[in-house]
Structure formats: structure tokens, C-alpha cells
PDB file of N, CA and C in Angstrom:
ATOM      1  N   MET A   1      -4.346 -17.610  12.979  1.00  0.00           N
ATOM      2  CA  MET A   1      -3.234 -16.697  12.956  1.00  0.00           C
ATOM      3  C   MET A   1      -3.707 -15.249  12.976  1.00  0.00           C
ATOM      4  N   ASN A   2      -4.813 -14.955  12.309  1.00  0.00           N
ATOM      5  CA  ASN A   2      -5.297 -13.577  12.290  1.00  0.00           C
ATOM      6  C   ASN A   2      -5.625 -13.076  13.685  1.00  0.00           C
ATOM      7  N   ALA A   3      -6.174 -13.944  14.530  1.00  0.00           N
ATOM      8  CA  ALA A   3      -6.501 -13.540  15.897  1.00  0.00           C
ATOM      9  C   ALA A   3      -5.235 -13.193  16.669  1.00  0.00           C
ATOM     10  N   VAL A   4      -4.195 -13.983  16.490  1.00  0.00           N
ATOM     11  CA  VAL A   4      -2.919 -13.720  17.166  1.00  0.00           C
ATOM     12  C   VAL A   4      -2.335 -12.404  16.671  1.00  0.00           C
ATOM     13  N   TYR A   5      -2.343 -12.196  15.364  1.00  0.00           N
ATOM     14  CA  TYR A   5      -1.806 -10.972  14.768  1.00  0.00           C
ATOM     15  C   TYR A   5      -2.555  -9.747  15.302  1.00  0.00           C
ATOM     16  N   LYS A   6      -3.883  -9.845  15.337  1.00  0.00           N
ATOM     17  CA  LYS A   6      -4.687  -8.721  15.834  1.00  0.00           C
ATOM     18  C   LYS A   6      -4.403  -8.435  17.306  1.00  0.00           C
ATOM     19  N   LYS A   7      -4.216  -9.494  18.085  1.00  0.00           N
ATOM     20  CA  LYS A   7      -3.911  -9.290  19.499  1.00  0.00           C
ATOM     21  C   LYS A   7      -2.544  -8.626  19.666  1.00  0.00           C
ATOM     22  N   ILE A   8      -1.573  -9.041  18.881  1.00  0.00           N
ATOM     23  CA  ILE A   8      -0.248  -8.414  18.927  1.00  0.00           C
ATOM     24  C   ILE A   8      -0.367  -6.939  18.554  1.00  0.00           C
ATOM     25  N   MET A   9      -1.163  -6.637  17.549  1.00  0.00           N
ATOM     26  CA  MET A   9      -1.368  -5.247  17.141  1.00  0.00           C
ATOM     27  C   MET A   9      -1.971  -4.428  18.281  1.00  0.00           C
ATOM     28  N   ARG A  10      -2.893  -5.030  19.040  1.00  0.00           N
ATOM     29  CA  ARG A  10      -3.500  -4.333  20.182  1.00  0.00           C
ATOM     30  C   ARG A  10      -2.498  -4.145  21.322  1.00  0.00           C
ATOM     31  N   VAL A  11      -1.793  -5.217  21.663  1.00  0.00           N
ATOM     32  CA  VAL A  11      -0.864  -5.173  22.797  1.00  0.00           C
ATOM     33  C   VAL A  11       0.250  -4.159  22.554  1.00  0.00           C
ATOM     34  N   TYR A  12       0.716  -4.069  21.306  1.00  0.00           N
ATOM     35  CA  TYR A  12       1.831  -3.177  20.979  1.00  0.00           C
ATOM     36  C   TYR A  12       1.378  -1.910  20.258  1.00  0.00           C
ATOM     37  N   ALA A  13       0.151  -1.509  20.467  1.00  0.00           N
ATOM     38  CA  ALA A  13      -0.414  -0.350  19.770  1.00  0.00           C
ATOM     39  C   ALA A  13       0.430   0.905  19.933  1.00  0.00           C
ATOM     40  N   GLU A  14       1.105   1.052  21.039  1.00  0.00           N
ATOM     41  CA  GLU A  14       1.931   2.241  21.299  1.00  0.00           C
ATOM     42  C   GLU A  14       3.284   2.188  20.586  1.00  0.00           C
ATOM     43  N   ASP A  15       3.730   1.028  20.221  1.00  0.00           N
ATOM     44  CA  ASP A  15       5.061   0.854  19.630  1.00  0.00           C
ATOM     45  C   ASP A  15       4.961   0.875  18.101  1.00  0.00           C
ATOM     46  N   LYS A  16       4.835   2.077  17.549  1.00  0.00           N
ATOM     47  CA  LYS A  16       4.597   2.253  16.111  1.00  0.00           C
ATOM     48  C   LYS A  16       5.741   1.706  15.252  1.00  0.00           C
ATOM     49  N   ILE A  17       6.965   1.861  15.721  1.00  0.00           N
ATOM     50  CA  ILE A  17       8.116   1.366  14.949  1.00  0.00           C
ATOM     51  C   ILE A  17       8.061  -0.153  14.864  1.00  0.00           C
ATOM     52  N   PHE A  18       7.833  -0.800  15.993  1.00  0.00           N
ATOM     53  CA  PHE A  18       7.731  -2.259  16.007  1.00  0.00           C
ATOM     54  C   PHE A  18       6.611  -2.734  15.088  1.00  0.00           C
ATOM     55  N   LEU A  19       5.434  -2.107  15.172  1.00  0.00           N
ATOM     56  CA  LEU A  19       4.300  -2.530  14.352  1.00  0.00           C
ATOM     57  C   LEU A  19       4.576  -2.344  12.868  1.00  0.00           C
ATOM     58  N   ARG A  20       5.255  -1.256  12.517  1.00  0.00           N
ATOM     59  CA  ARG A  20       5.610  -1.044  11.112  1.00  0.00           C
ATOM     60  C   ARG A  20       6.523  -2.170  10.627  1.00  0.00           C
ATOM     61  N   GLN A  21       7.519  -2.515  11.430  1.00  0.00           N
ATOM     62  CA  GLN A  21       8.443  -3.587  11.048  1.00  0.00           C
ATOM     63  C   GLN A  21       7.751  -4.949  11.045  1.00  0.00           C
ATOM     64  N   LEU A  22       6.814  -5.150  11.959  1.00  0.00           N
ATOM     65  CA  LEU A  22       6.052  -6.396  11.978  1.00  0.00           C
ATOM     66  C   LEU A  22       5.274  -6.563  10.676  1.00  0.00           C
ATOM     67  N   LYS A  23       4.640  -5.492  10.225  1.00  0.00           N
ATOM     68  CA  LYS A  23       3.883  -5.540   8.973  1.00  0.00           C
ATOM     69  C   LYS A  23       4.794  -5.847   7.784  1.00  0.00           C
ATOM     70  N   VAL A  24       5.962  -5.218   7.750  1.00  0.00           N
ATOM     71  CA  VAL A  24       6.930  -5.486   6.673  1.00  0.00           C
ATOM     72  C   VAL A  24       7.359  -6.946   6.710  1.00  0.00           C
ATOM     73  N   SER A  25       7.691  -7.414   7.902  1.00  0.00           N
ATOM     74  CA  SER A  25       8.133  -8.789   8.081  1.00  0.00           C
ATOM     75  C   SER A  25       7.056  -9.783   7.654  1.00  0.00           C
ATOM     76  N   GLN A  26       5.818  -9.527   8.047  1.00  0.00           N
ATOM     77  CA  GLN A  26       4.716 -10.410   7.691  1.00  0.00           C
ATOM     78  C   GLN A  26       4.502 -10.454   6.182  1.00  0.00           C
ATOM     79  N   ALA A  27       4.548  -9.303   5.535  1.00  0.00           N
ATOM     80  CA  ALA A  27       4.352  -9.255   4.086  1.00  0.00           C
ATOM     81  C   ALA A  27       5.435 -10.048   3.354  1.00  0.00           C
ATOM     82  N   LEU A  28       6.671  -9.889   3.798  1.00  0.00           N
ATOM     83  CA  LEU A  28       7.771 -10.628   3.180  1.00  0.00           C
ATOM     84  C   LEU A  28       7.654 -12.124   3.448  1.00  0.00           C
ATOM     85  N   TRP A  29       7.247 -12.482   4.659  1.00  0.00           N
ATOM     86  CA  TRP A  29       7.090 -13.898   4.990  1.00  0.00           C
ATOM     87  C   TRP A  29       6.013 -14.531   4.120  1.00  0.00           C
ATOM     88  N   LEU A  30       4.906 -13.819   3.912  1.00  0.00           N
ATOM     89  CA  LEU A  30       3.838 -14.361   3.073  1.00  0.00           C
ATOM     90  C   LEU A  30       4.311 -14.573   1.637  1.00  0.00           C
ATOM     91  N   LYS A  31       5.114 -13.645   1.122  1.00  0.00           N
ATOM     92  CA  LYS A  31       5.672 -13.821  -0.222  1.00  0.00           C
ATOM     93  C   LYS A  31       6.571 -15.052  -0.281  1.00  0.00           C
ATOM     94  N   LEU A  32       7.395 -15.227   0.745  1.00  0.00           N
ATOM     95  CA  LEU A  32       8.272 -16.396   0.808  1.00  0.00           C
ATOM     96  C   LEU A  32       7.448 -17.679   0.860  1.00  0.00           C
ATOM     97  N   ARG A  33       6.419 -17.695   1.716  1.00  0.00           N
ATOM     98  CA  ARG A  33       5.572 -18.888   1.829  1.00  0.00           C
ATOM     99  C   ARG A  33       4.918 -19.238   0.500  1.00  0.00           C
ATOM    100  N   GLU A  34       4.384 -18.233  -0.193  1.00  0.00           N
ATOM    101  CA  GLU A  34       3.735 -18.490  -1.473  1.00  0.00           C
ATOM    102  C   GLU A  34       4.735 -18.970  -2.530  1.00  0.00           C
ATOM    103  N   ALA A  35       5.946 -18.420  -2.517  1.00  0.00           N
ATOM    104  CA  ALA A  35       6.979 -18.871  -3.454  1.00  0.00           C
ATOM    105  C   ALA A  35       7.359 -20.317  -3.167  1.00  0.00           C
ATOM    106  N   GLU A  36       7.510 -20.645  -1.899  1.00  0.00           N
ATOM    107  CA  GLU A  36       7.841 -22.023  -1.527  1.00  0.00           C
ATOM    108  C   GLU A  36       6.695 -22.966  -1.883  1.00  0.00           C
ATOM    109  N   LEU A  37       5.477 -22.523  -1.662  1.00  0.00           N
ATOM    110  CA  LEU A  37       4.307 -23.327  -1.996  1.00  0.00           C
ATOM    111  C   LEU A  37       4.257 -23.629  -3.492  1.00  0.00           C
ATOM    112  N   SER A  38       4.509 -22.625  -4.313  1.00  0.00           N
ATOM    113  CA  SER A  38       4.456 -22.856  -5.759  1.00  0.00           C
ATOM    114  C   SER A  38       5.609 -23.728  -6.246  1.00  0.00           C
ATOM    115  N   THR A  39       6.686 -23.788  -5.472  1.00  0.00           N
ATOM    116  CA  THR A  39       7.782 -24.687  -5.808  1.00  0.00           C
ATOM    117  C   THR A  39       7.437 -26.128  -5.412  1.00  0.00           C
ATOM    118  N   LYS A  40       6.845 -26.291  -4.246  1.00  0.00           N
ATOM    119  CA  LYS A  40       6.457 -27.624  -3.774  1.00  0.00           C
ATOM    120  C   LYS A  40       5.313 -28.204  -4.597  1.00  0.00           C
ATOM    121  N   TYR A  41       4.356 -27.351  -4.947  1.00  0.00           N
ATOM    122  CA  TYR A  41       3.160 -27.783  -5.662  1.00  0.00           C
ATOM    123  C   TYR A  41       2.939 -26.885  -6.882  1.00  0.00           C
ATOM    124  N   PRO A  42       3.732 -27.076  -7.934  1.00  0.00           N
ATOM    125  CA  PRO A  42       3.614 -26.223  -9.125  1.00  0.00           C
ATOM    126  C   PRO A  42       2.235 -26.332  -9.776  1.00  0.00           C
ATOM    127  N   ASP A  43       1.791 -25.244 -10.365  1.00  0.00           N
ATOM    128  CA  ASP A  43       0.512 -25.213 -11.078  1.00  0.00           C
ATOM    129  C   ASP A  43       0.756 -25.582 -12.535  1.00  0.00           C
ATOM    130  N   TYR A  44       0.619 -26.851 -12.820  1.00  0.00           N
ATOM    131  CA  TYR A  44       0.848 -27.330 -14.178  1.00  0.00           C
ATOM    132  C   TYR A  44      -0.344 -27.084 -15.094  1.00  0.00           C
ATOM    133  N   SER A  45      -1.453 -26.592 -14.541  1.00  0.00           N
ATOM    134  CA  SER A  45      -2.623 -26.350 -15.381  1.00  0.00           C
ATOM    135  C   SER A  45      -2.344 -25.269 -16.420  1.00  0.00           C
ATOM    136  N   ALA A  46      -1.379 -24.403 -16.156  1.00  0.00           N
ATOM    137  CA  ALA A  46      -1.032 -23.339 -17.100  1.00  0.00           C
ATOM    138  C   ALA A  46      -0.526 -23.909 -18.422  1.00  0.00           C
ATOM    139  N   ILE A  47       0.000 -25.128 -18.397  1.00  0.00           N
ATOM    140  CA  ILE A  47       0.482 -25.759 -19.640  1.00  0.00           C
ATOM    141  C   ILE A  47      -0.431 -26.910 -20.065  1.00  0.00           C
ATOM    142  N   GLY A  48      -1.637 -26.942 -19.463  1.00  0.00           N
ATOM    143  CA  GLY A  48      -2.624 -27.931 -19.857  1.00  0.00           C
ATOM    144  C   GLY A  48      -2.459 -29.295 -19.207  1.00  0.00           C
ATOM    145  N   LYS A  49      -1.619 -29.394 -18.217  1.00  0.00           N
ATOM    146  CA  LYS A  49      -1.419 -30.667 -17.522  1.00  0.00           C
ATOM    147  C   LYS A  49      -2.160 -30.607 -16.184  1.00  0.00           C
ATOM    148  N   LEU A  50      -3.101 -31.494 -15.997  1.00  0.00           N
ATOM    149  CA  LEU A  50      -3.871 -31.515 -14.761  1.00  0.00           C
ATOM    150  C   LEU A  50      -3.171 -32.390 -13.728  1.00  0.00           C
ATOM    151  N   GLU A  51      -3.233 -31.973 -12.481  1.00  0.00           N
ATOM    152  CA  GLU A  51      -2.543 -32.697 -11.401  1.00  0.00           C
ATOM    153  C   GLU A  51      -3.480 -33.481 -10.493  1.00  0.00           C
ATOM    154  N   GLY A  52      -4.762 -33.480 -10.757  1.00  0.00           N
ATOM    155  CA  GLY A  52      -5.689 -34.227  -9.924  1.00  0.00           C
ATOM    156  C   GLY A  52      -6.298 -33.382  -8.818  1.00  0.00           C
ATOM    157  N   SER A  53      -7.158 -34.011  -8.036  1.00  0.00           N
ATOM    158  CA  SER A  53      -7.922 -33.273  -7.045  1.00  0.00           C
ATOM    159  C   SER A  53      -7.216 -33.131  -5.698  1.00  0.00           C
ATOM    160  N   SER A  54      -6.065 -33.739  -5.518  1.00  0.00           N
ATOM    161  CA  SER A  54      -5.390 -33.659  -4.217  1.00  0.00           C
ATOM    162  C   SER A  54      -4.571 -32.381  -4.046  1.00  0.00           C
ATOM    163  N   LEU A  55      -4.312 -31.671  -5.119  1.00  0.00           N
ATOM    164  CA  LEU A  55      -3.480 -30.468  -5.050  1.00  0.00           C
ATOM    165  C   LEU A  55      -4.032 -29.413  -4.078  1.00  0.00           C
ATOM    166  N   PRO A  56      -5.320 -29.056  -4.136  1.00  0.00           N
ATOM    167  CA  PRO A  56      -5.827 -28.069  -3.168  1.00  0.00           C
ATOM    168  C   PRO A  56      -5.654 -28.529  -1.717  1.00  0.00           C
ATOM    169  N   GLY A  57      -5.842 -29.805  -1.462  1.00  0.00           N
ATOM    170  CA  GLY A  57      -5.659 -30.338  -0.118  1.00  0.00           C
ATOM    171  C   GLY A  57      -4.220 -30.239   0.341  1.00  0.00           C
ATOM    172  N   CYS A  58      -3.288 -30.504  -0.561  1.00  0.00           N
ATOM    173  CA  CYS A  58      -1.862 -30.385  -0.240  1.00  0.00           C
ATOM    174  C   CYS A  58      -1.505 -28.928   0.067  1.00  0.00           C
ATOM    175  N   GLU A  59      -2.010 -28.018  -0.752  1.00  0.00           N
ATOM    176  CA  GLU A  59      -1.740 -26.598  -0.531  1.00  0.00           C
ATOM    177  C   GLU A  59      -2.317 -26.134   0.801  1.00  0.00           C
ATOM    178  N   TYR A  60      -3.547 -26.555   1.090  1.00  0.00           N
ATOM    179  CA  TYR A  60      -4.177 -26.176   2.354  1.00  0.00           C
ATOM    180  C   TYR A  60      -3.370 -26.699   3.537  1.00  0.00           C
ATOM    181  N   SER A  61      -2.958 -27.944   3.452  1.00  0.00           N
ATOM    182  CA  SER A  61      -2.181 -28.563   4.528  1.00  0.00           C
ATOM    183  C   SER A  61      -0.863 -27.827   4.752  1.00  0.00           C
ATOM    184  N   TYR A  62      -0.197 -27.449   3.669  1.00  0.00           N
ATOM    185  CA  TYR A  62       1.069 -26.719   3.780  1.00  0.00           C
ATOM    186  C   TYR A  62       0.846 -25.355   4.436  1.00  0.00           C
ATOM    187  N   ARG A  63      -0.188 -24.647   4.002  1.00  0.00           N
ATOM    188  CA  ARG A  63      -0.466 -23.325   4.595  1.00  0.00           C
ATOM    189  C   ARG A  63      -0.797 -23.456   6.083  1.00  0.00           C
ATOM    190  N   LYS A  64      -1.569 -24.468   6.423  1.00  0.00           N
ATOM    191  CA  LYS A  64      -1.927 -24.688   7.826  1.00  0.00           C
ATOM    192  C   LYS A  64      -0.684 -25.005   8.652  1.00  0.00           C
ATOM    193  N   GLN A  65       0.189 -25.824   8.106  1.00  0.00           N
ATOM    194  CA  GLN A  65       1.420 -26.219   8.784  1.00  0.00           C
ATOM    195  C   GLN A  65       2.320 -25.025   9.068  1.00  0.00           C
ATOM    196  N   THR A  66       2.354 -24.078   8.164  1.00  0.00           N
ATOM    197  CA  THR A  66       3.296 -22.967   8.277  1.00  0.00           C
ATOM    198  C   THR A  66       2.709 -21.707   8.896  1.00  0.00           C
ATOM    199  N   ARG A  67       1.420 -21.684   9.185  1.00  0.00           N
ATOM    200  CA  ARG A  67       0.800 -20.426   9.635  1.00  0.00           C
ATOM    201  C   ARG A  67       1.366 -19.905  10.939  1.00  0.00           C
ATOM    202  N   LEU A  68       1.681 -20.763  11.890  1.00  0.00           N
ATOM    203  CA  LEU A  68       2.200 -20.271  13.164  1.00  0.00           C
ATOM    204  C   LEU A  68       3.609 -19.723  13.036  1.00  0.00           C
ATOM    205  N   SER A  69       4.371 -20.235  12.089  1.00  0.00           N
ATOM    206  CA  SER A  69       5.721 -19.703  11.926  1.00  0.00           C
ATOM    207  C   SER A  69       5.710 -18.328  11.265  1.00  0.00           C
ATOM    208  N   ALA A  70       4.528 -17.880  10.844  1.00  0.00           N
ATOM    209  CA  ALA A  70       4.432 -16.567  10.216  1.00  0.00           C
ATOM    210  C   ALA A  70       4.636 -15.429  11.191  1.00  0.00           C
ATOM    211  N   LEU A  71       4.416 -15.683  12.465  1.00  0.00           N
ATOM    212  CA  LEU A  71       4.556 -14.620  13.447  1.00  0.00           C
ATOM    213  C   LEU A  71       6.005 -14.492  13.879  1.00  0.00           C
ATOM    214  N   PRO A  72       6.634 -13.374  13.558  1.00  0.00           N
ATOM    215  CA  PRO A  72       8.047 -13.218  13.919  1.00  0.00           C
ATOM    216  C   PRO A  72       8.198 -12.977  15.409  1.00  0.00           C
ATOM    217  N   ILE A  73       8.625 -13.992  16.127  1.00  0.00           N
ATOM    218  CA  ILE A  73       8.757 -13.876  17.575  1.00  0.00           C
ATOM    219  C   ILE A  73      10.213 -13.985  17.994  1.00  0.00           C
ATOM    220  N   SER A  74      11.092 -13.497  17.137  1.00  0.00           N
ATOM    221  CA  SER A  74      12.513 -13.634  17.413  1.00  0.00           C
ATOM    222  C   SER A  74      13.135 -12.390  18.039  1.00  0.00           C
ATOM    223  N   ASN A  75      12.322 -11.387  18.389  1.00  0.00           N
ATOM    224  CA  ASN A  75      12.866 -10.217  19.073  1.00  0.00           C
ATOM    225  C   ASN A  75      13.371 -10.644  20.446  1.00  0.00           C
ATOM    226  N   ALA A  76      14.431 -10.042  20.892  1.00  0.00           N
ATOM    227  CA  ALA A  76      15.050 -10.459  22.150  1.00  0.00           C
ATOM    228  C   ALA A  76      14.249  -9.993  23.357  1.00  0.00           C
ATOM    229  N   GLY A  77      14.350 -10.759  24.426  1.00  0.00           N
ATOM    230  CA  GLY A  77      13.870 -10.337  25.733  1.00  0.00           C
ATOM    231  C   GLY A  77      12.384 -10.408  25.951  1.00  0.00           C
ATOM    232  N   TYR A  78      11.883  -9.408  26.678  1.00  0.00           N
ATOM    233  CA  TYR A  78      10.507  -9.382  27.145  1.00  0.00           C
ATOM    234  C   TYR A  78       9.499  -9.474  26.005  1.00  0.00           C
ATOM    235  N   ARG A  79       9.738  -8.739  24.929  1.00  0.00           N
ATOM    236  CA  ARG A  79       8.788  -8.740  23.805  1.00  0.00           C
ATOM    237  C   ARG A  79       8.606 -10.156  23.278  1.00  0.00           C
ATOM    238  N   GLU A  80       9.691 -10.892  23.153  1.00  0.00           N
ATOM    239  CA  GLU A  80       9.602 -12.260  22.636  1.00  0.00           C
ATOM    240  C   GLU A  80       8.723 -13.124  23.539  1.00  0.00           C
ATOM    241  N   SER A  81       8.984 -13.113  24.831  1.00  0.00           N
ATOM    242  CA  SER A  81       8.202 -13.964  25.728  1.00  0.00           C
ATOM    243  C   SER A  81       6.735 -13.551  25.727  1.00  0.00           C
ATOM    244  N   LYS A  82       6.461 -12.263  25.617  1.00  0.00           N
ATOM    245  CA  LYS A  82       5.090 -11.770  25.591  1.00  0.00           C
ATOM    246  C   LYS A  82       4.388 -12.228  24.313  1.00  0.00           C
ATOM    247  N   MET A  83       5.079 -12.176  23.164  1.00  0.00           N
ATOM    248  CA  MET A  83       4.478 -12.589  21.901  1.00  0.00           C
ATOM    249  C   MET A  83       4.250 -14.089  21.866  1.00  0.00           C
ATOM    250  N   VAL A  84       5.175 -14.855  22.420  1.00  0.00           N
ATOM    251  CA  VAL A  84       4.983 -16.309  22.472  1.00  0.00           C
ATOM    252  C   VAL A  84       3.754 -16.630  23.315  1.00  0.00           C
ATOM    253  N   THR A  85       3.596 -15.948  24.433  1.00  0.00           N
ATOM    254  CA  THR A  85       2.426 -16.148  25.295  1.00  0.00           C
ATOM    255  C   THR A  85       1.149 -15.818  24.541  1.00  0.00           C
ATOM    256  N   ILE A  86       1.144 -14.729  23.800  1.00  0.00           N
ATOM    257  CA  ILE A  86      -0.022 -14.342  23.005  1.00  0.00           C
ATOM    258  C   ILE A  86      -0.343 -15.447  22.010  1.00  0.00           C
ATOM    259  N   ALA A  87       0.652 -15.956  21.310  1.00  0.00           N
ATOM    260  CA  ALA A  87       0.443 -16.998  20.303  1.00  0.00           C
ATOM    261  C   ALA A  87      -0.071 -18.294  20.942  1.00  0.00           C
ATOM    262  N   GLN A  88       0.431 -18.638  22.102  1.00  0.00           N
ATOM    263  CA  GLN A  88       0.009 -19.879  22.758  1.00  0.00           C
ATOM    264  C   GLN A  88      -1.401 -19.775  23.308  1.00  0.00           C
ATOM    265  N   ASP A  89      -1.856 -18.578  23.614  1.00  0.00           N
ATOM    266  CA  ASP A  89      -3.205 -18.384  24.144  1.00  0.00           C
ATOM    267  C   ASP A  89      -4.272 -18.662  23.088  1.00  0.00           C
ATOM    268  N   GLN A  90      -3.916 -18.625  21.829  1.00  0.00           N
ATOM    269  CA  GLN A  90      -4.900 -18.774  20.760  1.00  0.00           C
ATOM    270  C   GLN A  90      -5.203 -20.205  20.449  1.00  0.00           C
TER     271      GLN A  90
END
């Protein structure tokens, strides 16, 4: 995902407003993902209850599953098709 994000930053380097909003959107999406992750896989170690060794694997799998949806490609028209192409190239 980082490679796709960096490429989008390069391709749209001139569009400062878009890039600012992209950064805001990405930051909010990451917060949402982490909140959802902690709901799906709560950290019970804080209360002394161990959940076993599969928890890190579950968290990794969830993050991997959701990483491509992190790129907001819902802008209308040409920008959307260009961003989808960038994401598919990776």
C-alpha cells in the first residue's frame, strides 16, 4: 500500500488541495481500521487474560485484508480511473 500511496503523491504532486484531503482521509481511515481491529480482536491481556498465540496472526490477516481499501478512490471521473490504475499496477 505504501508504494501505491507514494505513487499517488507523485502523480498528483501539483494538486495540493487533493493531496491535503487524501492525507486527512487516510489518517481517519487508519483510525477507523484500528478501532475496528480492536473490536474484532480485543486485547484481553490488559486484564490478565491471555488469548493465545493466534491473535497476532489474526490481526495481521485483518490488516492485510483491508490495506487496499485504505486508498480512497471514490473521487468522480478521471481521477478515480487514474487512481484505480495506479493501485492495480502495484
